[in-house]
Amino acid sequence: MTPFLSPTAALSQALEEIKALSGPDPDVLARAERLLGEARADATRSVPEEARATQQLWLSAQQLATRAVLTRRAAVRSGDLQQAWDASAAAAGALMLLQQLRTDVPALLRPPSLPGSTGS
């Protein structure tokens, strides 16, 4: 999941452009769709109990991102401004969840500290 969380990753960049109603171009949309397909296949893996909430957050981010990409593609085809705004809203939600994941995933992967340790 972590390669998709980088703010400079293709998915995040595509979502930022969708949110801003400024694109992206069709090649970038197709790339974002491919990335989401890969992420979907990876997201159904079994995870430990303590990671399930984070996995569900990741699945929700994927669903919103997919909605944003597909709706943006439809808006470009039809010229429907309302669809573009709907895609923008879905992209904003996906970006918000990705930002939360950028906090949650490293915390989840951090090894536990021993009781009474000071970190030194």
Protein backbone atom coordinates (compact mmCIF):
# COMPACT_ATOMS: atom_id res chain seq x y z
CA MET A 1 0.00 0.00 0.00
CA THR A 2 2.79 2.48 0.78
CA PRO A 3 3.94 3.20 -2.82
CA PHE A 4 0.47 4.63 -3.47
CA LEU A 5 0.64 6.97 -0.47
CA SER A 6 3.39 9.25 -1.71
CA PRO A 7 2.06 12.73 -2.44
CA THR A 8 4.14 12.68 -5.62
CA ALA A 9 2.75 9.33 -6.78
CA ALA A 10 0.83 9.31 -10.04
CA LEU A 11 -2.43 8.59 -8.25
CA SER A 12 -2.13 11.56 -5.90
CA GLN A 13 -1.16 13.86 -8.75
CA ALA A 14 -4.13 12.72 -10.84
CA LEU A 15 -6.48 13.23 -7.90
CA GLU A 16 -5.11 16.72 -7.26
CA GLU A 17 -5.79 17.67 -10.89
CA ILE A 18 -9.29 16.18 -10.78
CA LYS A 19 -10.01 18.05 -7.56
CA ALA A 20 -8.84 21.32 -9.15
CA LEU A 21 -11.02 20.66 -12.24
CA SER A 22 -7.89 21.02 -14.36
CA GLY A 23 -7.37 17.56 -15.77
CA PRO A 24 -5.58 15.24 -15.91
CA ASP A 25 -5.03 14.27 -19.52
CA PRO A 26 -6.40 10.90 -20.73
CA ASP A 27 -3.03 9.10 -20.41
CA VAL A 28 -2.75 10.08 -16.76
CA LEU A 29 -6.34 8.97 -16.13
CA ALA A 30 -5.58 5.60 -17.71
CA ARG A 31 -2.45 5.26 -15.57
CA ALA A 32 -4.42 6.11 -12.43
CA GLU A 33 -7.00 3.46 -13.36
CA ARG A 34 -4.23 0.87 -13.77
CA LEU A 35 -2.72 1.81 -10.40
CA LEU A 36 -6.11 1.50 -8.74
CA GLY A 37 -6.57 -1.93 -10.31
CA GLU A 38 -3.23 -3.05 -8.89
CA ALA A 39 -4.08 -1.58 -5.51
CA ARG A 40 -7.47 -3.32 -5.46
CA ALA A 41 -5.84 -6.68 -6.09
CA ASP A 42 -3.40 -6.02 -3.25
CA ALA A 43 -5.92 -4.64 -0.78
CA THR A 44 -7.87 -7.83 -0.23
CA ARG A 45 -4.99 -9.62 1.46
CA SER A 46 -5.50 -10.86 4.96
CA VAL A 47 -4.06 -8.48 7.56
CA PRO A 48 -3.61 -8.72 11.32
CA GLU A 49 -6.48 -7.50 13.48
CA GLU A 50 -4.62 -4.30 14.45
CA ALA A 51 -4.29 -3.35 10.76
CA ARG A 52 -7.91 -3.92 9.73
CA ALA A 53 -9.09 -0.36 10.35
CA THR A 54 -6.21 0.94 8.24
CA GLN A 55 -7.02 -1.59 5.52
CA GLN A 56 -10.65 -0.43 5.50
CA LEU A 57 -9.49 3.18 5.24
CA TRP A 58 -7.33 2.17 2.26
CA LEU A 59 -10.28 0.41 0.62
CA SER A 60 -12.44 3.52 1.11
CA ALA A 61 -9.71 5.72 -0.39
CA GLN A 62 -9.54 3.39 -3.39
CA GLN A 63 -13.30 3.48 -3.88
CA LEU A 64 -13.39 7.28 -3.79
CA ALA A 65 -10.37 7.52 -6.09
CA THR A 66 -11.97 5.11 -8.55
CA ARG A 67 -15.19 7.12 -8.49
CA ALA A 68 -13.20 10.32 -9.07
CA VAL A 69 -11.28 8.90 -12.04
CA LEU A 70 -14.29 7.27 -13.71
CA THR A 71 -16.53 10.29 -13.15
CA ARG A 72 -13.86 12.64 -14.47
CA ARG A 73 -13.51 10.51 -17.60
CA ALA A 74 -17.30 10.63 -18.09
CA ALA A 75 -17.31 14.40 -17.54
CA VAL A 76 -14.65 14.91 -20.19
CA ARG A 77 -16.58 12.76 -22.66
CA SER A 78 -19.92 14.46 -22.02
CA GLY A 79 -18.81 18.00 -21.20
CA ASP A 80 -21.04 17.83 -18.12
CA LEU A 81 -19.78 20.32 -15.54
CA GLN A 82 -21.82 18.72 -12.73
CA GLN A 83 -20.00 15.43 -13.32
CA ALA A 84 -16.70 17.30 -13.15
CA TRP A 85 -17.72 18.75 -9.78
CA ASP A 86 -18.79 15.29 -8.57
CA ALA A 87 -15.39 13.92 -9.62
CA SER A 88 -13.72 16.81 -7.80
CA ALA A 89 -15.60 16.01 -4.59
CA ALA A 90 -14.68 12.32 -4.79
CA ALA A 91 -11.03 13.26 -5.44
CA ALA A 92 -11.03 15.57 -2.42
CA GLY A 93 -12.36 12.76 -0.24
CA ALA A 94 -9.80 10.28 -1.59
CA LEU A 95 -6.97 12.75 -0.99
CA MET A 96 -8.15 13.33 2.57
CA LEU A 97 -8.14 9.57 3.25
CA LEU A 98 -4.72 9.16 1.63
CA GLN A 99 -3.39 11.89 3.90
CA GLN A 100 -4.77 10.06 6.94
CA LEU A 101 -3.13 6.86 5.70
CA ARG A 102 0.21 8.68 5.44
CA THR A 103 -0.05 9.09 9.22
CA ASP A 104 -1.62 5.74 10.11
CA VAL A 105 0.59 3.38 8.07
CA PRO A 106 3.95 4.51 9.50
CA ALA A 107 2.49 4.36 13.03
CA LEU A 108 1.24 0.85 12.33
CA LEU A 109 4.64 -0.25 11.02
CA ARG A 110 6.63 1.31 13.88
CA PRO A 111 7.92 -1.37 16.26
CA PRO A 112 6.43 -1.20 19.73
CA SER A 113 8.52 0.39 22.43
CA LEU A 114 9.34 -1.43 25.63
CA PRO A 115 7.51 -0.29 28.75
CA GLY A 116 9.58 2.24 30.63
CA SER A 117 11.97 2.89 27.74
CA THR A 118 12.85 6.49 27.08
CA GLY A 119 13.67 6.01 23.42
CA SER A 120 17.42 6.54 24.01
